Amino acid sequence: PVAHPKVSIDALRRGLPVLCEKPLAETVRECLTMVAAAEVSGQ
């Protein structure tokens, strides 16, 4: 889980959709950053 934000955001920025194991991240703060990354990438 601690690596989910880094790995998933990296993949999104490379134009790849991501299926991430639960939990999305360890904190809600990190989750919101991942939401923003999905919006920026459009993935």
All heavy atoms as atom14 arrays in JSON, in Angstrom:
{
  "sequence": "PVAHPKVSIDALRRGLPVLCEKPLAETVRECLTMVAAAEVSGQ",
  "atom14_mask": [
    [1, 1, 1, 1, 1, 1, 1, 0, 0, 0, 0, 0, 0, 0],
    [1, 1, 1, 1, 1, 1, 1, 0, 0, 0, 0, 0, 0, 0],
    [1, 1, 1, 1, 1, 0, 0, 0, 0, 0, 0, 0, 0, 0],
    [1, 1, 1, 1, 1, 1, 1, 1, 1, 1, 0, 0, 0, 0],
    [1, 1, 1, 1, 1, 1, 1, 0, 0, 0, 0, 0, 0, 0],
    [1, 1, 1, 1, 1, 1, 1, 1, 1, 0, 0, 0, 0, 0],
    [1, 1, 1, 1, 1, 1, 1, 0, 0, 0, 0, 0, 0, 0],
    [1, 1, 1, 1, 1, 1, 0, 0, 0, 0, 0, 0, 0, 0],
    [1, 1, 1, 1, 1, 1, 1, 1, 0, 0, 0, 0, 0, 0],
    [1, 1, 1, 1, 1, 1, 1, 1, 0, 0, 0, 0, 0, 0],
    [1, 1, 1, 1, 1, 0, 0, 0, 0, 0, 0, 0, 0, 0],
    [1, 1, 1, 1, 1, 1, 1, 1, 0, 0, 0, 0, 0, 0],
    [1, 1, 1, 1, 1, 1, 1, 1, 1, 1, 1, 0, 0, 0],
    [1, 1, 1, 1, 1, 1, 1, 1, 1, 1, 1, 0, 0, 0],
    [1, 1, 1, 1, 0, 0, 0, 0, 0, 0, 0, 0, 0, 0],
    [1, 1, 1, 1, 1, 1, 1, 1, 0, 0, 0, 0, 0, 0],
    [1, 1, 1, 1, 1, 1, 1, 0, 0, 0, 0, 0, 0, 0],
    [1, 1, 1, 1, 1, 1, 1, 0, 0, 0, 0, 0, 0, 0],
    [1, 1, 1, 1, 1, 1, 1, 1, 0, 0, 0, 0, 0, 0],
    [1, 1, 1, 1, 1, 1, 0, 0, 0, 0, 0, 0, 0, 0],
    [1, 1, 1, 1, 1, 1, 1, 1, 1, 0, 0, 0, 0, 0],
    [1, 1, 1, 1, 1, 1, 1, 1, 1, 0, 0, 0, 0, 0],
    [1, 1, 1, 1, 1, 1, 1, 0, 0, 0, 0, 0, 0, 0],
    [1, 1, 1, 1, 1, 1, 1, 1, 0, 0, 0, 0, 0, 0],
    [1, 1, 1, 1, 1, 0, 0, 0, 0, 0, 0, 0, 0, 0],
    [1, 1, 1, 1, 1, 1, 1, 1, 1, 0, 0, 0, 0, 0],
    [1, 1, 1, 1, 1, 1, 1, 0, 0, 0, 0, 0, 0, 0],
    [1, 1, 1, 1, 1, 1, 1, 0, 0, 0, 0, 0, 0, 0],
    [1, 1, 1, 1, 1, 1, 1, 1, 1, 1, 1, 0, 0, 0],
    [1, 1, 1, 1, 1, 1, 1, 1, 1, 0, 0, 0, 0, 0],
    [1, 1, 1, 1, 1, 1, 0, 0, 0, 0, 0, 0, 0, 0],
    [1, 1, 1, 1, 1, 1, 1, 1, 0, 0, 0, 0, 0, 0],
    [1, 1, 1, 1, 1, 1, 1, 0, 0, 0, 0, 0, 0, 0],
    [1, 1, 1, 1, 1, 1, 1, 1, 0, 0, 0, 0, 0, 0],
    [1, 1, 1, 1, 1, 1, 1, 0, 0, 0, 0, 0, 0, 0],
    [1, 1, 1, 1, 1, 0, 0, 0, 0, 0, 0, 0, 0, 0],
    [1, 1, 1, 1, 1, 0, 0, 0, 0, 0, 0, 0, 0, 0],
    [1, 1, 1, 1, 1, 0, 0, 0, 0, 0, 0, 0, 0, 0],
    [1, 1, 1, 1, 1, 1, 1, 1, 1, 0, 0, 0, 0, 0],
    [1, 1, 1, 1, 1, 1, 1, 0, 0, 0, 0, 0, 0, 0],
    [1, 1, 1, 1, 1, 1, 0, 0, 0, 0, 0, 0, 0, 0],
    [1, 1, 1, 1, 0, 0, 0, 0, 0, 0, 0, 0, 0, 0],
    [1, 1, 1, 1, 1, 1, 1, 1, 1, 0, 0, 0, 0, 0]
  ],
  "atom14_positions": [
    [[0.79, -1.24, 0.0], [0.0, 0.0, 0.0], [0.82, 1.28, 0.0], [0.46, 2.25, -0.67], [-0.84, -0.13, 1.27], [-1.04, -1.61, 1.41], [0.27, -2.22, 0.98], [0.0, 0.0, 0.0], [0.0, 0.0, 0.0], [0.0, 0.0, 0.0], [0.0, 0.0, 0.0], [0.0, 0.0, 0.0], [0.0, 0.0, 0.0], [0.0, 0.0, 0.0]],
    [[1.94, 1.3, 0.72], [2.73, 2.52, 0.79], [3.28, 2.92, -0.58], [3.56, 4.1, -0.84], [3.89, 2.36, 1.81], [4.93, 1.36, 1.31], [4.53, 3.7, 2.12], [0.0, 0.0, 0.0], [0.0, 0.0, 0.0], [0.0, 0.0, 0.0], [0.0, 0.0, 0.0], [0.0, 0.0, 0.0], [0.0, 0.0, 0.0], [0.0, 0.0, 0.0]],
    [[3.4, 1.95, -1.49], [3.95, 2.23, -2.83], [2.87, 2.55, -3.85], [3.19, 2.96, -4.98], [4.78, 1.04, -3.31], [0.0, 0.0, 0.0], [0.0, 0.0, 0.0], [0.0, 0.0, 0.0], [0.0, 0.0, 0.0], [0.0, 0.0, 0.0], [0.0, 0.0, 0.0], [0.0, 0.0, 0.0], [0.0, 0.0, 0.0], [0.0, 0.0, 0.0]],
    [[1.61, 2.36, -3.51], [0.53, 2.56, -4.49], [0.54, 3.95, -5.13], [0.42, 4.06, -6.36], [-0.83, 2.3, -3.85], [-1.1, 0.85, -3.62], [-2.22, 0.38, -2.95], [-0.42, -0.26, -3.98], [-2.2, -0.93, -2.9], [-1.11, -1.34, -3.51], [0.0, 0.0, 0.0], [0.0, 0.0, 0.0], [0.0, 0.0, 0.0], [0.0, 0.0, 0.0]],
    [[0.65, 5.03, -4.37], [0.63, 6.35, -5.02], [1.73, 6.52, -6.06], [1.48, 6.97, -7.18], [0.8, 7.32, -3.85], [0.26, 6.58, -2.66], [0.67, 5.16, -2.89], [0.0, 0.0, 0.0], [0.0, 0.0, 0.0], [0.0, 0.0, 0.0], [0.0, 0.0, 0.0], [0.0, 0.0, 0.0], [0.0, 0.0, 0.0], [0.0, 0.0, 0.0]],
    [[2.95, 6.15, -5.71], [4.07, 6.33, -6.64], [3.9, 5.49, -7.9], [4.04, 5.99, -9.02], [5.39, 5.96, -5.94], [6.64, 6.14, -6.8], [7.89, 5.79, -6.03], [9.15, 6.06, -6.86], [9.22, 5.23, -8.08], [0.0, 0.0, 0.0], [0.0, 0.0, 0.0], [0.0, 0.0, 0.0], [0.0, 0.0, 0.0], [0.0, 0.0, 0.0]],
    [[3.57, 4.21, -7.72], [3.47, 3.3, -8.86], [2.29, 3.66, -9.75], [2.42, 3.75, -10.98], [3.35, 1.84, -8.37], [3.02, 0.91, -9.53], [4.65, 1.4, -7.69], [0.0, 0.0, 0.0], [0.0, 0.0, 0.0], [0.0, 0.0, 0.0], [0.0, 0.0, 0.0], [0.0, 0.0, 0.0], [0.0, 0.0, 0.0], [0.0, 0.0, 0.0]],
    [[1.13, 3.88, -9.15], [-0.06, 4.16, -9.95], [0.05, 5.5, -10.67], [-0.34, 5.61, -11.84], [-1.31, 4.13, -9.06], [-1.61, 2.81, -8.65], [0.0, 0.0, 0.0], [0.0, 0.0, 0.0], [0.0, 0.0, 0.0], [0.0, 0.0, 0.0], [0.0, 0.0, 0.0], [0.0, 0.0, 0.0], [0.0, 0.0, 0.0], [0.0, 0.0, 0.0]],
    [[0.57, 6.51, -9.99], [0.71, 7.82, -10.64], [1.71, 7.74, -11.78], [1.51, 8.34, -12.85], [1.1, 8.89, -9.6], [-0.08, 9.17, -8.66], [1.53, 10.18, -10.3], [0.26, 10.12, -7.52], [0.0, 0.0, 0.0], [0.0, 0.0, 0.0], [0.0, 0.0, 0.0], [0.0, 0.0, 0.0], [0.0, 0.0, 0.0], [0.0, 0.0, 0.0]],
    [[2.78, 7.01, -11.61], [3.77, 6.81, -12.68], [3.11, 6.19, -13.9], [3.3, 6.64, -15.04], [4.91, 5.94, -12.17], [5.98, 5.7, -13.24], [6.14, 6.56, -14.12], [6.65, 4.66, -13.18], [0.0, 0.0, 0.0], [0.0, 0.0, 0.0], [0.0, 0.0, 0.0], [0.0, 0.0, 0.0], [0.0, 0.0, 0.0], [0.0, 0.0, 0.0]],
    [[2.3, 5.16, -13.67], [1.63, 4.48, -14.78], [0.64, 5.41, -15.47], [0.57, 5.48, -16.71], [0.93, 3.23, -14.28], [0.0, 0.0, 0.0], [0.0, 0.0, 0.0], [0.0, 0.0, 0.0], [0.0, 0.0, 0.0], [0.0, 0.0, 0.0], [0.0, 0.0, 0.0], [0.0, 0.0, 0.0], [0.0, 0.0, 0.0], [0.0, 0.0, 0.0]],
    [[-0.15, 6.14, -14.69], [-1.14, 7.06, -15.26], [-0.46, 8.1, -16.14], [-0.93, 8.41, -17.24], [-1.93, 7.74, -14.14], [-2.88, 6.85, -13.33], [-3.36, 7.59, -12.09], [-4.07, 6.41, -14.18], [0.0, 0.0, 0.0], [0.0, 0.0, 0.0], [0.0, 0.0, 0.0], [0.0, 0.0, 0.0], [0.0, 0.0, 0.0], [0.0, 0.0, 0.0]],
    [[0.67, 8.62, -15.68], [1.36, 9.66, -16.43], [1.99, 9.12, -17.71], [2.31, 9.9, -18.61], [2.41, 10.31, -15.54], [1.78, 11.21, -14.5], [2.79, 12.01, -13.76], [2.26, 13.31, -13.39], [2.84, 14.12, -12.53], [3.98, 13.77, -11.97], [2.3, 15.29, -12.24], [0.0, 0.0, 0.0], [0.0, 0.0, 0.0], [0.0, 0.0, 0.0]],
    [[2.15, 7.84, -17.79], [2.64, 7.21, -19.02], [1.48, 6.85, -19.94], [1.69, 6.18, -20.96], [3.48, 5.98, -18.68], [4.75, 6.29, -17.93], [5.52, 5.03, -17.56], [6.68, 5.33, -16.74], [7.87, 5.72, -17.17], [8.06, 5.86, -18.46], [8.86, 5.97, -16.34], [0.0, 0.0, 0.0], [0.0, 0.0, 0.0], [0.0, 0.0, 0.0]],
    [[0.28, 7.28, -19.6], [-0.88, 7.05, -20.45], [-1.5, 5.69, -20.29], [-2.23, 5.23, -21.19], [0.0, 0.0, 0.0], [0.0, 0.0, 0.0], [0.0, 0.0, 0.0], [0.0, 0.0, 0.0], [0.0, 0.0, 0.0], [0.0, 0.0, 0.0], [0.0, 0.0, 0.0], [0.0, 0.0, 0.0], [0.0, 0.0, 0.0], [0.0, 0.0, 0.0]],
    [[-1.27, 5.04, -19.15], [-1.79, 3.69, -18.93], [-2.87, 3.67, -17.85], [-2.65, 4.16, -16.74], [-0.65, 2.76, -18.49], [0.51, 2.6, -19.47], [1.64, 1.82, -18.82], [0.04, 1.91, -20.74], [0.0, 0.0, 0.0], [0.0, 0.0, 0.0], [0.0, 0.0, 0.0], [0.0, 0.0, 0.0], [0.0, 0.0, 0.0], [0.0, 0.0, 0.0]],
    [[-4.03, 3.12, -18.14], [-5.04, 2.93, -17.1], [-4.53, 1.94, -16.07], [-3.72, 1.05, -16.38], [-6.25, 2.39, -17.86], [-5.7, 1.81, -19.12], [-4.48, 2.61, -19.46], [0.0, 0.0, 0.0], [0.0, 0.0, 0.0], [0.0, 0.0, 0.0], [0.0, 0.0, 0.0], [0.0, 0.0, 0.0], [0.0, 0.0, 0.0], [0.0, 0.0, 0.0]],
    [[-5.01, 2.07, -14.83], [-4.46, 1.28, -13.73], [-5.58, 0.61, -12.93], [-6.58, 1.25, -12.59], [-3.64, 2.16, -12.77], [-3.13, 1.34, -11.58], [-2.47, 2.8, -13.51], [0.0, 0.0, 0.0], [0.0, 0.0, 0.0], [0.0, 0.0, 0.0], [0.0, 0.0, 0.0], [0.0, 0.0, 0.0], [0.0, 0.0, 0.0], [0.0, 0.0, 0.0]],
    [[-5.37, -0.66, -12.62], [-6.18, -1.37, -11.63], [-5.29, -1.58, -10.43], [-4.28, -2.29, -10.5], [-6.66, -2.72, -12.19], [-7.44, -3.61, -11.21], [-8.67, -2.9, -10.67], [-7.85, -4.92, -11.9], [0.0, 0.0, 0.0], [0.0, 0.0, 0.0], [0.0, 0.0, 0.0], [0.0, 0.0, 0.0], [0.0, 0.0, 0.0], [0.0, 0.0, 0.0]],
    [[-5.63, -0.94, -9.31], [-4.8, -0.93, -8.12], [-5.41, -1.8, -7.03], [-6.61, -1.71, -6.76], [-4.63, 0.5, -7.61], [-3.6, 0.69, -6.14], [0.0, 0.0, 0.0], [0.0, 0.0, 0.0], [0.0, 0.0, 0.0], [0.0, 0.0, 0.0], [0.0, 0.0, 0.0], [0.0, 0.0, 0.0], [0.0, 0.0, 0.0], [0.0, 0.0, 0.0]],
    [[-4.59, -2.63, -6.41], [-5.07, -3.43, -5.28], [-5.51, -2.49, -4.15], [-5.02, -1.37, -4.01], [-3.97, -4.36, -4.77], [-4.17, -5.83, -5.12], [-5.42, -6.43, -4.52], [-5.99, -5.88, -3.56], [-5.85, -7.47, -5.04], [0.0, 0.0, 0.0], [0.0, 0.0, 0.0], [0.0, 0.0, 0.0], [0.0, 0.0, 0.0], [0.0, 0.0, 0.0]],
    [[-6.44, -3.0, -3.33], [-6.87, -2.22, -2.17], [-5.81, -2.32, -1.08], [-5.05, -3.3, -1.05], [-8.24, -2.7, -1.68], [-8.23, -4.04, -0.9], [-7.93, -3.84, 0.57], [-7.58, -5.12, 1.27], [-7.02, -4.95, 2.63], [0.0, 0.0, 0.0], [0.0, 0.0, 0.0], [0.0, 0.0, 0.0], [0.0, 0.0, 0.0], [0.0, 0.0, 0.0]],
    [[-5.7, -1.34, -0.17], [-6.37, -0.05, -0.23], [-5.7, 0.85, -1.26], [-4.51, 0.69, -1.56], [-6.18, 0.49, 1.19], [-4.86, -0.06, 1.61], [-4.82, -1.45, 1.02], [0.0, 0.0, 0.0], [0.0, 0.0, 0.0], [0.0, 0.0, 0.0], [0.0, 0.0, 0.0], [0.0, 0.0, 0.0], [0.0, 0.0, 0.0], [0.0, 0.0, 0.0]],
    [[-6.45, 1.8, -1.76], [-5.92, 2.73, -2.76], [-4.62, 3.37, -2.27], [-3.63, 3.46, -3.0], [-6.96, 3.81, -3.06], [-6.57, 4.91, -4.03], [-6.23, 4.34, -5.39], [-7.7, 5.94, -4.13], [0.0, 0.0, 0.0], [0.0, 0.0, 0.0], [0.0, 0.0, 0.0], [0.0, 0.0, 0.0], [0.0, 0.0, 0.0], [0.0, 0.0, 0.0]],
    [[-4.6, 3.8, -1.02], [-3.4, 4.37, -0.39], [-3.58, 4.27, 1.12], [-4.64, 3.88, 1.61], [-3.18, 5.81, -0.82], [0.0, 0.0, 0.0], [0.0, 0.0, 0.0], [0.0, 0.0, 0.0], [0.0, 0.0, 0.0], [0.0, 0.0, 0.0], [0.0, 0.0, 0.0], [0.0, 0.0, 0.0], [0.0, 0.0, 0.0], [0.0, 0.0, 0.0]],
    [[-2.56, 4.67, 1.85], [-2.62, 4.57, 3.3], [-3.39, 5.72, 3.94], [-3.87, 5.59, 5.07], [-1.21, 4.51, 3.88], [-0.46, 3.23, 3.55], [0.83, 3.09, 4.3], [1.59, 4.08, 4.36], [1.11, 2.0, 4.84], [0.0, 0.0, 0.0], [0.0, 0.0, 0.0], [0.0, 0.0, 0.0], [0.0, 0.0, 0.0], [0.0, 0.0, 0.0]],
    [[-3.5, 6.85, 3.25], [-4.2, 8.0, 3.8], [-5.13, 8.6, 2.76], [-4.91, 8.46, 1.54], [-3.21, 9.1, 4.24], [-2.54, 9.62, 3.09], [-2.18, 8.54, 5.23], [0.0, 0.0, 0.0], [0.0, 0.0, 0.0], [0.0, 0.0, 0.0], [0.0, 0.0, 0.0], [0.0, 0.0, 0.0], [0.0, 0.0, 0.0], [0.0, 0.0, 0.0]],
    [[-6.14, 9.3, 3.23], [-7.06, 9.99, 2.32], [-6.32, 11.08, 1.55], [-6.59, 11.32, 0.37], [-8.25, 10.58, 3.1], [-9.17, 11.37, 2.17], [-9.04, 9.48, 3.8], [0.0, 0.0, 0.0], [0.0, 0.0, 0.0], [0.0, 0.0, 0.0], [0.0, 0.0, 0.0], [0.0, 0.0, 0.0], [0.0, 0.0, 0.0], [0.0, 0.0, 0.0]],
    [[-5.37, 11.73, 2.22], [-4.57, 12.76, 1.54], [-3.9, 12.21, 0.28], [-3.96, 12.82, -0.78], [-3.51, 13.31, 2.49], [-2.53, 14.28, 1.83], [-1.41, 14.68, 2.76], [-0.61, 13.55, 3.21], [0.35, 12.98, 2.49], [0.62, 13.41, 1.26], [1.04, 11.96, 2.97], [0.0, 0.0, 0.0], [0.0, 0.0, 0.0], [0.0, 0.0, 0.0]],
    [[-3.28, 11.04, 0.4], [-2.62, 10.43, -0.76], [-3.63, 10.01, -1.81], [-3.38, 10.11, -3.01], [-1.81, 9.21, -0.3], [-0.6, 9.55, 0.55], [0.03, 8.32, 1.16], [-0.69, 7.55, 1.84], [1.23, 8.11, 0.95], [0.0, 0.0, 0.0], [0.0, 0.0, 0.0], [0.0, 0.0, 0.0], [0.0, 0.0, 0.0], [0.0, 0.0, 0.0]],
    [[-4.79, 9.55, -1.35], [-5.85, 9.16, -2.3], [-6.27, 10.34, -3.16], [-6.48, 10.2, -4.37], [-7.06, 8.61, -1.54], [-6.8, 7.01, -0.74], [0.0, 0.0, 0.0], [0.0, 0.0, 0.0], [0.0, 0.0, 0.0], [0.0, 0.0, 0.0], [0.0, 0.0, 0.0], [0.0, 0.0, 0.0], [0.0, 0.0, 0.0], [0.0, 0.0, 0.0]],
    [[-6.4, 11.5, -2.55], [-6.83, 12.69, -3.3], [-5.78, 13.07, -4.34], [-6.12, 13.51, -5.44], [-7.08, 13.85, -2.34], [-8.24, 13.65, -1.37], [-8.37, 14.85, -0.43], [-9.56, 13.41, -2.11], [0.0, 0.0, 0.0], [0.0, 0.0, 0.0], [0.0, 0.0, 0.0], [0.0, 0.0, 0.0], [0.0, 0.0, 0.0], [0.0, 0.0, 0.0]],
    [[-4.51, 12.86, -4.02], [-3.45, 13.11, -4.99], [-3.58, 12.16, -6.17], [-3.36, 12.55, -7.33], [-2.07, 12.95, -4.33], [-1.98, 13.83, -3.21], [-0.96, 13.26, -5.33], [0.0, 0.0, 0.0], [0.0, 0.0, 0.0], [0.0, 0.0, 0.0], [0.0, 0.0, 0.0], [0.0, 0.0, 0.0], [0.0, 0.0, 0.0], [0.0, 0.0, 0.0]],
    [[-3.97, 10.92, -5.9], [-4.15, 9.94, -6.97], [-5.38, 10.27, -7.81], [-5.38, 10.04, -9.03], [-4.26, 8.54, -6.37], [-2.97, 8.11, -5.65], [-3.13, 6.59, -4.69], [-3.05, 5.35, -6.0], [0.0, 0.0, 0.0], [0.0, 0.0, 0.0], [0.0, 0.0, 0.0], [0.0, 0.0, 0.0], [0.0, 0.0, 0.0], [0.0, 0.0, 0.0]],
    [[-6.41, 10.82, -7.2], [-7.57, 11.29, -7.96], [-7.13, 12.39, -8.93], [-7.5, 12.39, -10.12], [-8.67, 11.82, -7.02], [-9.77, 12.51, -7.82], [-9.26, 10.69, -6.19], [0.0, 0.0, 0.0], [0.0, 0.0, 0.0], [0.0, 0.0, 0.0], [0.0, 0.0, 0.0], [0.0, 0.0, 0.0], [0.0, 0.0, 0.0], [0.0, 0.0, 0.0]],
    [[-6.34, 13.32, -8.42], [-5.85, 14.41, -9.28], [-5.01, 13.87, -10.43], [-5.11, 14.34, -11.57], [-5.03, 15.4, -8.45], [0.0, 0.0, 0.0], [0.0, 0.0, 0.0], [0.0, 0.0, 0.0], [0.0, 0.0, 0.0], [0.0, 0.0, 0.0], [0.0, 0.0, 0.0], [0.0, 0.0, 0.0], [0.0, 0.0, 0.0], [0.0, 0.0, 0.0]],
    [[-4.19, 12.86, -10.16], [-3.35, 12.27, -11.21], [-4.2, 11.61, -12.29], [-3.89, 11.7, -13.48], [-2.39, 11.25, -10.6], [0.0, 0.0, 0.0], [0.0, 0.0, 0.0], [0.0, 0.0, 0.0], [0.0, 0.0, 0.0], [0.0, 0.0, 0.0], [0.0, 0.0, 0.0], [0.0, 0.0, 0.0], [0.0, 0.0, 0.0], [0.0, 0.0, 0.0]],
    [[-5.28, 10.96, -11.88], [-6.18, 10.35, -12.86], [-6.82, 11.42, -13.73], [-6.97, 11.24, -14.96], [-7.25, 9.53, -12.14], [0.0, 0.0, 0.0], [0.0, 0.0, 0.0], [0.0, 0.0, 0.0], [0.0, 0.0, 0.0], [0.0, 0.0, 0.0], [0.0, 0.0, 0.0], [0.0, 0.0, 0.0], [0.0, 0.0, 0.0], [0.0, 0.0, 0.0]],
    [[-7.18, 12.54, -13.13], [-7.79, 13.63, -13.89], [-6.78, 14.27, -14.85], [-7.11, 14.57, -16.0], [-8.38, 14.66, -12.94], [-9.58, 14.15, -12.14], [-10.21, 15.22, -11.28], [-9.72, 16.38, -11.3], [-11.22, 14.92, -10.6], [0.0, 0.0, 0.0], [0.0, 0.0, 0.0], [0.0, 0.0, 0.0], [0.0, 0.0, 0.0], [0.0, 0.0, 0.0]],
    [[-5.57, 14.48, -14.39], [-4.53, 15.09, -15.24], [-4.23, 14.2, -16.44], [-4.09, 14.67, -17.56], [-3.25, 15.34, -14.42], [-2.09, 15.7, -15.34], [-3.47, 16.45, -13.4], [0.0, 0.0, 0.0], [0.0, 0.0, 0.0], [0.0, 0.0, 0.0], [0.0, 0.0, 0.0], [0.0, 0.0, 0.0], [0.0, 0.0, 0.0], [0.0, 0.0, 0.0]],
    [[-4.14, 12.89, -16.19], [-3.78, 11.96, -17.25], [-4.94, 11.61, -18.17], [-4.74, 11.2, -19.31], [-3.23, 10.67, -16.64], [-4.27, 9.96, -15.96], [0.0, 0.0, 0.0], [0.0, 0.0, 0.0], [0.0, 0.0, 0.0], [0.0, 0.0, 0.0], [0.0, 0.0, 0.0], [0.0, 0.0, 0.0], [0.0, 0.0, 0.0], [0.0, 0.0, 0.0]],
    [[-6.16, 11.76, -17.65], [-7.33, 11.34, -18.42], [-7.48, 9.83, -18.51], [-8.24, 9.32, -19.33], [0.0, 0.0, 0.0], [0.0, 0.0, 0.0], [0.0, 0.0, 0.0], [0.0, 0.0, 0.0], [0.0, 0.0, 0.0], [0.0, 0.0, 0.0], [0.0, 0.0, 0.0], [0.0, 0.0, 0.0], [0.0, 0.0, 0.0], [0.0, 0.0, 0.0]],
    [[-6.77, 9.12, -17.62], [-6.79, 7.66, -17.63], [-7.62, 7.12, -16.45], [-7.76, 7.76, -15.42], [-5.37, 7.09, -17.56], [-4.5, 7.45, -18.73], [-5.01, 6.88, -20.04], [-5.6, 5.8, -20.07], [-4.79, 7.6, -21.14], [0.0, 0.0, 0.0], [0.0, 0.0, 0.0], [0.0, 0.0, 0.0], [0.0, 0.0, 0.0], [0.0, 0.0, 0.0]]
  ]
}
